[in-house]
Amino acid sequence: MPPSSPMPMSQRIVQVCLFLVSAIAVLGGSLQMYLGQPDTILPPPSAVWLGYLIPELLLPVVIAVAHAATHRHASRAATAA
């Protein structure tokens, strides 16, 4: 890709998701070091914790789909050129 061409939206999604994953890891790790290891039992408001867990499990799927779309877009552009 020439440097002047814009970044595809799927590649931007991958970039943002990877930034979010790294920010969550750094902040979560530092908070855990400060507060100590929490109990690993699911706390009483289960819906709240599942609300955190489900997006965290879906994020890698979003990254993989966007990454595949980027490669598909790049291969189409290469064959058209």
PDB file of N, CA and C in Angstrom:
ATOM      1  N   MET A   1       0.836  -1.178   0.000  1.00  0.00           N
ATOM      2  CA  MET A   1       0.000   0.000   0.000  1.00  0.00           C
ATOM      3  C   MET A   1       0.879   1.238   0.000  1.00  0.00           C
ATOM      4  N   PRO A   2       0.586   2.192  -0.822  1.00  0.00           N
ATOM      5  CA  PRO A   2       1.339   3.447  -0.796  1.00  0.00           C
ATOM      6  C   PRO A   2       1.092   4.184   0.516  1.00  0.00           C
ATOM      7  N   PRO A   3       2.078   4.941   0.978  1.00  0.00           N
ATOM      8  CA  PRO A   3       1.911   5.648   2.250  1.00  0.00           C
ATOM      9  C   PRO A   3       0.773   6.657   2.249  1.00  0.00           C
ATOM     10  N   SER A   4       0.375   7.155   1.078  1.00  0.00           N
ATOM     11  CA  SER A   4      -0.666   8.173   1.041  1.00  0.00           C
ATOM     12  C   SER A   4      -2.077   7.591   1.084  1.00  0.00           C
ATOM     13  N   SER A   5      -2.217   6.271   0.924  1.00  0.00           N
ATOM     14  CA  SER A   5      -3.556   5.682   0.930  1.00  0.00           C
ATOM     15  C   SER A   5      -4.084   5.598   2.364  1.00  0.00           C
ATOM     16  N   PRO A   6      -5.385   5.791   2.553  1.00  0.00           N
ATOM     17  CA  PRO A   6      -5.957   5.757   3.907  1.00  0.00           C
ATOM     18  C   PRO A   6      -5.980   4.331   4.459  1.00  0.00           C
ATOM     19  N   MET A   7      -5.975   4.239   5.768  1.00  0.00           N
ATOM     20  CA  MET A   7      -6.027   2.941   6.435  1.00  0.00           C
ATOM     21  C   MET A   7      -7.444   2.380   6.310  1.00  0.00           C
ATOM     22  N   PRO A   8      -7.595   1.108   5.912  1.00  0.00           N
ATOM     23  CA  PRO A   8      -8.940   0.521   5.828  1.00  0.00           C
ATOM     24  C   PRO A   8      -9.616   0.496   7.201  1.00  0.00           C
ATOM     25  N   MET A   9     -10.939   0.568   7.210  1.00  0.00           N
ATOM     26  CA  MET A   9     -11.694   0.596   8.467  1.00  0.00           C
ATOM     27  C   MET A   9     -11.443  -0.669   9.281  1.00  0.00           C
ATOM     28  N   SER A  10     -11.345  -1.820   8.626  1.00  0.00           N
ATOM     29  CA  SER A  10     -11.119  -3.066   9.367  1.00  0.00           C
ATOM     30  C   SER A  10      -9.766  -3.046  10.071  1.00  0.00           C
ATOM     31  N   GLN A  11      -8.769  -2.443   9.451  1.00  0.00           N
ATOM     32  CA  GLN A  11      -7.460  -2.354  10.084  1.00  0.00           C
ATOM     33  C   GLN A  11      -7.502  -1.381  11.258  1.00  0.00           C
ATOM     34  N   ARG A  12      -8.285  -0.321  11.132  1.00  0.00           N
ATOM     35  CA  ARG A  12      -8.440   0.622  12.241  1.00  0.00           C
ATOM     36  C   ARG A  12      -9.146  -0.048  13.428  1.00  0.00           C
ATOM     37  N   ILE A  13     -10.128  -0.917  13.137  1.00  0.00           N
ATOM     38  CA  ILE A  13     -10.830  -1.651  14.203  1.00  0.00           C
ATOM     39  C   ILE A  13      -9.859  -2.549  14.948  1.00  0.00           C
ATOM     40  N   VAL A  14      -9.003  -3.257  14.211  1.00  0.00           N
ATOM     41  CA  VAL A  14      -7.994  -4.110  14.844  1.00  0.00           C
ATOM     42  C   VAL A  14      -7.078  -3.264  15.710  1.00  0.00           C
ATOM     43  N   GLN A  15      -6.651  -2.124  15.212  1.00  0.00           N
ATOM     44  CA  GLN A  15      -5.753  -1.246  15.956  1.00  0.00           C
ATOM     45  C   GLN A  15      -6.395  -0.766  17.261  1.00  0.00           C
ATOM     46  N   VAL A  16      -7.652  -0.343  17.195  1.00  0.00           N
ATOM     47  CA  VAL A  16      -8.352   0.145  18.389  1.00  0.00           C
ATOM     48  C   VAL A  16      -8.566  -0.988  19.394  1.00  0.00           C
ATOM     49  N   CYS A  17      -8.949  -2.158  18.902  1.00  0.00           N
ATOM     50  CA  CYS A  17      -9.173  -3.297  19.799  1.00  0.00           C
ATOM     51  C   CYS A  17      -7.886  -3.709  20.499  1.00  0.00           C
ATOM     52  N   LEU A  18      -6.778  -3.754  19.776  1.00  0.00           N
ATOM     53  CA  LEU A  18      -5.505  -4.101  20.399  1.00  0.00           C
ATOM     54  C   LEU A  18      -5.084  -3.057  21.423  1.00  0.00           C
ATOM     55  N   PHE A  19      -5.371  -1.791  21.145  1.00  0.00           N
ATOM     56  CA  PHE A  19      -5.088  -0.747  22.125  1.00  0.00           C
ATOM     57  C   PHE A  19      -5.918  -0.950  23.388  1.00  0.00           C
ATOM     58  N   LEU A  20      -7.211  -1.280  23.221  1.00  0.00           N
ATOM     59  CA  LEU A  20      -8.077  -1.520  24.380  1.00  0.00           C
ATOM     60  C   LEU A  20      -7.600  -2.717  25.193  1.00  0.00           C
ATOM     61  N   VAL A  21      -7.216  -3.787  24.516  1.00  0.00           N
ATOM     62  CA  VAL A  21      -6.727  -4.976  25.224  1.00  0.00           C
ATOM     63  C   VAL A  21      -5.475  -4.636  26.026  1.00  0.00           C
ATOM     64  N   SER A  22      -4.559  -3.894  25.418  1.00  0.00           N
ATOM     65  CA  SER A  22      -3.330  -3.548  26.142  1.00  0.00           C
ATOM     66  C   SER A  22      -3.613  -2.602  27.309  1.00  0.00           C
ATOM     67  N   ALA A  23      -4.524  -1.652  27.130  1.00  0.00           N
ATOM     68  CA  ALA A  23      -4.860  -0.736  28.220  1.00  0.00           C
ATOM     69  C   ALA A  23      -5.523  -1.475  29.382  1.00  0.00           C
ATOM     70  N   ILE A  24      -6.421  -2.400  29.065  1.00  0.00           N
ATOM     71  CA  ILE A  24      -7.077  -3.184  30.114  1.00  0.00           C
ATOM     72  C   ILE A  24      -6.060  -4.037  30.854  1.00  0.00           C
ATOM     73  N   ALA A  25      -5.130  -4.627  30.122  1.00  0.00           N
ATOM     74  CA  ALA A  25      -4.118  -5.476  30.751  1.00  0.00           C
ATOM     75  C   ALA A  25      -3.210  -4.679  31.676  1.00  0.00           C
ATOM     76  N   VAL A  26      -2.756  -3.529  31.212  1.00  0.00           N
ATOM     77  CA  VAL A  26      -1.853  -2.713  32.029  1.00  0.00           C
ATOM     78  C   VAL A  26      -2.569  -2.164  33.255  1.00  0.00           C
ATOM     79  N   LEU A  27      -3.752  -1.605  33.064  1.00  0.00           N
ATOM     80  CA  LEU A  27      -4.483  -1.034  34.202  1.00  0.00           C
ATOM     81  C   LEU A  27      -4.943  -2.124  35.169  1.00  0.00           C
ATOM     82  N   GLY A  28      -5.433  -3.233  34.624  1.00  0.00           N
ATOM     83  CA  GLY A  28      -5.869  -4.325  35.493  1.00  0.00           C
ATOM     84  C   GLY A  28      -4.725  -4.931  36.276  1.00  0.00           C
ATOM     85  N   GLY A  29      -3.592  -5.100  35.618  1.00  0.00           N
ATOM     86  CA  GLY A  29      -2.421  -5.653  36.303  1.00  0.00           C
ATOM     87  C   GLY A  29      -1.904  -4.741  37.392  1.00  0.00           C
ATOM     88  N   SER A  30      -1.851  -3.453  37.110  1.00  0.00           N
ATOM     89  CA  SER A  30      -1.362  -2.520  38.131  1.00  0.00           C
ATOM     90  C   SER A  30      -2.348  -2.409  39.294  1.00  0.00           C
ATOM     91  N   LEU A  31      -3.639  -2.447  39.002  1.00  0.00           N
ATOM     92  CA  LEU A  31      -4.644  -2.405  40.070  1.00  0.00           C
ATOM     93  C   LEU A  31      -4.567  -3.661  40.931  1.00  0.00           C
ATOM     94  N   GLN A  32      -4.359  -4.806  40.298  1.00  0.00           N
ATOM     95  CA  GLN A  32      -4.238  -6.051  41.060  1.00  0.00           C
ATOM     96  C   GLN A  32      -2.977  -6.037  41.918  1.00  0.00           C
ATOM     97  N   MET A  33      -1.890  -5.465  41.401  1.00  0.00           N
ATOM     98  CA  MET A  33      -0.666  -5.376  42.214  1.00  0.00           C
ATOM     99  C   MET A  33      -0.881  -4.449  43.404  1.00  0.00           C
ATOM    100  N   TYR A  34      -1.649  -3.397  43.221  1.00  0.00           N
ATOM    101  CA  TYR A  34      -1.892  -2.439  44.303  1.00  0.00           C
ATOM    102  C   TYR A  34      -2.848  -3.003  45.357  1.00  0.00           C
ATOM    103  N   LEU A  35      -3.945  -3.622  44.902  1.00  0.00           N
ATOM    104  CA  LEU A  35      -4.970  -4.109  45.828  1.00  0.00           C
ATOM    105  C   LEU A  35      -4.735  -5.528  46.312  1.00  0.00           C
ATOM    106  N   GLY A  36      -3.952  -6.303  45.597  1.00  0.00           N
ATOM    107  CA  GLY A  36      -3.734  -7.696  45.951  1.00  0.00           C
ATOM    108  C   GLY A  36      -4.666  -8.601  45.163  1.00  0.00           C
ATOM    109  N   GLN A  37      -4.425  -9.902  45.256  1.00  0.00           N
ATOM    110  CA  GLN A  37      -5.222 -10.890  44.520  1.00  0.00           C
ATOM    111  C   GLN A  37      -6.644 -10.958  45.090  1.00  0.00           C
ATOM    112  N   PRO A  38      -7.665 -10.728  44.256  1.00  0.00           N
ATOM    113  CA  PRO A  38      -9.046 -10.814  44.754  1.00  0.00           C
ATOM    114  C   PRO A  38      -9.508 -12.271  44.853  1.00  0.00           C
ATOM    115  N   ASP A  39     -10.639 -12.466  45.522  1.00  0.00           N
ATOM    116  CA  ASP A  39     -11.246 -13.791  45.535  1.00  0.00           C
ATOM    117  C   ASP A  39     -11.686 -14.127  44.117  1.00  0.00           C
ATOM    118  N   THR A  40     -11.516 -15.382  43.734  1.00  0.00           N
ATOM    119  CA  THR A  40     -11.845 -15.758  42.359  1.00  0.00           C
ATOM    120  C   THR A  40     -13.265 -16.287  42.225  1.00  0.00           C
ATOM    121  N   ILE A  41     -14.029 -16.264  43.291  1.00  0.00           N
ATOM    122  CA  ILE A  41     -15.446 -16.684  43.223  1.00  0.00           C
ATOM    123  C   ILE A  41     -16.244 -15.575  42.564  1.00  0.00           C
ATOM    124  N   LEU A  42     -17.233 -15.905  41.743  1.00  0.00           N
ATOM    125  CA  LEU A  42     -18.075 -14.924  41.067  1.00  0.00           C
ATOM    126  C   LEU A  42     -18.874 -14.153  42.131  1.00  0.00           C
ATOM    127  N   PRO A  43     -18.725 -12.808  42.183  1.00  0.00           N
ATOM    128  CA  PRO A  43     -19.398 -12.007  43.211  1.00  0.00           C
ATOM    129  C   PRO A  43     -20.914 -12.071  43.089  1.00  0.00           C
ATOM    130  N   PRO A  44     -21.628 -11.697  44.150  1.00  0.00           N
ATOM    131  CA  PRO A  44     -23.090 -11.814  44.178  1.00  0.00           C
ATOM    132  C   PRO A  44     -23.848 -11.147  43.034  1.00  0.00           C
ATOM    133  N   PRO A  45     -23.529  -9.926  42.604  1.00  0.00           N
ATOM    134  CA  PRO A  45     -24.288  -9.438  41.433  1.00  0.00           C
ATOM    135  C   PRO A  45     -23.719 -10.078  40.157  1.00  0.00           C
ATOM    136  N   SER A  46     -24.102 -11.329  39.905  1.00  0.00           N
ATOM    137  CA  SER A  46     -23.523 -12.092  38.794  1.00  0.00           C
ATOM    138  C   SER A  46     -23.727 -11.415  37.447  1.00  0.00           C
ATOM    139  N   ALA A  47     -24.844 -10.753  37.256  1.00  0.00           N
ATOM    140  CA  ALA A  47     -25.129 -10.106  35.976  1.00  0.00           C
ATOM    141  C   ALA A  47     -24.095  -9.022  35.667  1.00  0.00           C
ATOM    142  N   VAL A  48     -23.643  -8.313  36.697  1.00  0.00           N
ATOM    143  CA  VAL A  48     -22.644  -7.264  36.491  1.00  0.00           C
ATOM    144  C   VAL A  48     -21.333  -7.874  36.016  1.00  0.00           C
ATOM    145  N   TRP A  49     -20.906  -8.946  36.647  1.00  0.00           N
ATOM    146  CA  TRP A  49     -19.636  -9.559  36.290  1.00  0.00           C
ATOM    147  C   TRP A  49     -19.716 -10.261  34.943  1.00  0.00           C
ATOM    148  N   LEU A  50     -20.864 -10.821  34.631  1.00  0.00           N
ATOM    149  CA  LEU A  50     -21.031 -11.417  33.303  1.00  0.00           C
ATOM    150  C   LEU A  50     -21.062 -10.331  32.231  1.00  0.00           C
ATOM    151  N   GLY A  51     -21.543  -9.147  32.598  1.00  0.00           N
ATOM    152  CA  GLY A  51     -21.513  -8.014  31.682  1.00  0.00           C
ATOM    153  C   GLY A  51     -20.096  -7.576  31.350  1.00  0.00           C
ATOM    154  N   TYR A  52     -19.163  -7.788  32.262  1.00  0.00           N
ATOM    155  CA  TYR A  52     -17.753  -7.519  31.980  1.00  0.00           C
ATOM    156  C   TYR A  52     -17.123  -8.663  31.202  1.00  0.00           C
ATOM    157  N   LEU A  53     -17.508  -9.883  31.528  1.00  0.00           N
ATOM    158  CA  LEU A  53     -16.877 -11.069  30.952  1.00  0.00           C
ATOM    159  C   LEU A  53     -17.227 -11.270  29.483  1.00  0.00           C
ATOM    160  N   ILE A  54     -18.481 -11.102  29.124  1.00  0.00           N
ATOM    161  CA  ILE A  54     -18.921 -11.389  27.748  1.00  0.00           C
ATOM    162  C   ILE A  54     -18.223 -10.483  26.729  1.00  0.00           C
ATOM    163  N   PRO A  55     -18.162  -9.161  26.911  1.00  0.00           N
ATOM    164  CA  PRO A  55     -17.411  -8.346  25.939  1.00  0.00           C
ATOM    165  C   PRO A  55     -15.927  -8.704  25.893  1.00  0.00           C
ATOM    166  N   GLU A  56     -15.373  -9.087  27.035  1.00  0.00           N
ATOM    167  CA  GLU A  56     -13.962  -9.471  27.062  1.00  0.00           C
ATOM    168  C   GLU A  56     -13.718 -10.742  26.249  1.00  0.00           C
ATOM    169  N   LEU A  57     -14.676 -11.630  26.222  1.00  0.00           N
ATOM    170  CA  LEU A  57     -14.543 -12.849  25.433  1.00  0.00           C
ATOM    171  C   LEU A  57     -14.848 -12.605  23.956  1.00  0.00           C
ATOM    172  N   LEU A  58     -15.672 -11.613  23.647  1.00  0.00           N
ATOM    173  CA  LEU A  58     -16.014 -11.318  22.255  1.00  0.00           C
ATOM    174  C   LEU A  58     -14.955 -10.478  21.549  1.00  0.00           C
ATOM    175  N   LEU A  59     -14.165  -9.742  22.290  1.00  0.00           N
ATOM    176  CA  LEU A  59     -13.174  -8.862  21.682  1.00  0.00           C
ATOM    177  C   LEU A  59     -12.170  -9.599  20.791  1.00  0.00           C
ATOM    178  N   PRO A  60     -11.628 -10.752  21.183  1.00  0.00           N
ATOM    179  CA  PRO A  60     -10.722 -11.462  20.273  1.00  0.00           C
ATOM    180  C   PRO A  60     -11.405 -11.891  18.970  1.00  0.00           C
ATOM    181  N   VAL A  61     -12.683 -12.218  19.020  1.00  0.00           N
ATOM    182  CA  VAL A  61     -13.411 -12.592  17.810  1.00  0.00           C
ATOM    183  C   VAL A  61     -13.520 -11.389  16.877  1.00  0.00           C
ATOM    184  N   VAL A  62     -13.817 -10.218  17.434  1.00  0.00           N
ATOM    185  CA  VAL A  62     -13.901  -8.994  16.634  1.00  0.00           C
ATOM    186  C   VAL A  62     -12.549  -8.689  15.992  1.00  0.00           C
ATOM    187  N   ILE A  63     -11.472  -8.851  16.749  1.00  0.00           N
ATOM    188  CA  ILE A  63     -10.128  -8.605  16.223  1.00  0.00           C
ATOM    189  C   ILE A  63      -9.826  -9.564  15.074  1.00  0.00           C
ATOM    190  N   ALA A  64     -10.137 -10.847  15.250  1.00  0.00           N
ATOM    191  CA  ALA A  64      -9.844 -11.836  14.210  1.00  0.00           C
ATOM    192  C   ALA A  64     -10.646 -11.581  12.935  1.00  0.00           C
ATOM    193  N   VAL A  65     -11.911 -11.231  13.068  1.00  0.00           N
ATOM    194  CA  VAL A  65     -12.749 -10.967  11.893  1.00  0.00           C
ATOM    195  C   VAL A  65     -12.266  -9.716  11.161  1.00  0.00           C
ATOM    196  N   ALA A  66     -11.942  -8.670  11.890  1.00  0.00           N
ATOM    197  CA  ALA A  66     -11.453  -7.448  11.260  1.00  0.00           C
ATOM    198  C   ALA A  66     -10.101  -7.676  10.595  1.00  0.00           C
ATOM    199  N   HIS A  67      -9.263  -8.475  11.214  1.00  0.00           N
ATOM    200  CA  HIS A  67      -7.952  -8.788  10.630  1.00  0.00           C
ATOM    201  C   HIS A  67      -8.117  -9.584   9.337  1.00  0.00           C
ATOM    202  N   ALA A  68      -9.028 -10.547   9.343  1.00  0.00           N
ATOM    203  CA  ALA A  68      -9.292 -11.326   8.126  1.00  0.00           C
ATOM    204  C   ALA A  68      -9.855 -10.431   7.022  1.00  0.00           C
ATOM    205  N   ALA A  69     -10.707  -9.494   7.380  1.00  0.00           N
ATOM    206  CA  ALA A  69     -11.255  -8.575   6.388  1.00  0.00           C
ATOM    207  C   ALA A  69     -10.171  -7.684   5.798  1.00  0.00           C
ATOM    208  N   THR A  70      -9.206  -7.293   6.606  1.00  0.00           N
ATOM    209  CA  THR A  70      -8.097  -6.482   6.112  1.00  0.00           C
ATOM    210  C   THR A  70      -7.281  -7.256   5.085  1.00  0.00           C
ATOM    211  N   HIS A  71      -6.987  -8.522   5.390  1.00  0.00           N
ATOM    212  CA  HIS A  71      -6.216  -9.339   4.456  1.00  0.00           C
ATOM    213  C   HIS A  71      -7.004  -9.595   3.170  1.00  0.00           C
ATOM    214  N   ARG A  72      -8.292  -9.806   3.301  1.00  0.00           N
ATOM    215  CA  ARG A  72      -9.132 -10.026   2.126  1.00  0.00           C
ATOM    216  C   ARG A  72      -9.135  -8.776   1.241  1.00  0.00           C
ATOM    217  N   HIS A  73      -9.243  -7.622   1.871  1.00  0.00           N
ATOM    218  CA  HIS A  73      -9.243  -6.355   1.130  1.00  0.00           C
ATOM    219  C   HIS A  73      -7.891  -6.128   0.443  1.00  0.00           C
ATOM    220  N   ALA A  74      -6.804  -6.445   1.138  1.00  0.00           N
ATOM    221  CA  ALA A  74      -5.462  -6.248   0.568  1.00  0.00           C
ATOM    222  C   ALA A  74      -5.203  -7.192  -0.590  1.00  0.00           C
ATOM    223  N   SER A  75      -5.671  -8.436  -0.477  1.00  0.00           N
ATOM    224  CA  SER A  75      -5.449  -9.387  -1.567  1.00  0.00           C
ATOM    225  C   SER A  75      -6.285  -9.025  -2.803  1.00  0.00           C
ATOM    226  N   ARG A  76      -7.480  -8.511  -2.610  1.00  0.00           N
ATOM    227  CA  ARG A  76      -8.288  -8.058  -3.734  1.00  0.00           C
ATOM    228  C   ARG A  76      -7.643  -6.864  -4.435  1.00  0.00           C
ATOM    229  N   ALA A  77      -7.099  -5.952  -3.650  1.00  0.00           N
ATOM    230  CA  ALA A  77      -6.448  -4.776  -4.225  1.00  0.00           C
ATOM    231  C   ALA A  77      -5.187  -5.175  -4.982  1.00  0.00           C
ATOM    232  N   ALA A  78      -4.478  -6.184  -4.477  1.00  0.00           N
ATOM    233  CA  ALA A  78      -3.254  -6.627  -5.150  1.00  0.00           C
ATOM    234  C   ALA A  78      -3.564  -7.322  -6.469  1.00  0.00           C
ATOM    235  N   THR A  79      -4.644  -8.090  -6.543  1.00  0.00           N
ATOM    236  CA  THR A  79      -4.995  -8.770  -7.781  1.00  0.00           C
ATOM    237  C   THR A  79      -5.595  -7.806  -8.800  1.00  0.00           C
ATOM    238  N   ALA A  80      -6.217  -6.728  -8.326  1.00  0.00           N
ATOM    239  CA  ALA A  80      -6.803  -5.741  -9.239  1.00  0.00           C
ATOM    240  C   ALA A  80      -5.738  -4.840  -9.854  1.00  0.00           C
ATOM    241  N   ALA A  81      -4.624  -4.689  -9.158  1.00  0.00           N
ATOM    242  CA  ALA A  81      -3.562  -3.784  -9.656  1.00  0.00           C
ATOM    243  C   ALA A  81      -2.682  -4.419 -10.696  1.00  0.00           C
TER     244      ALA A  81
END
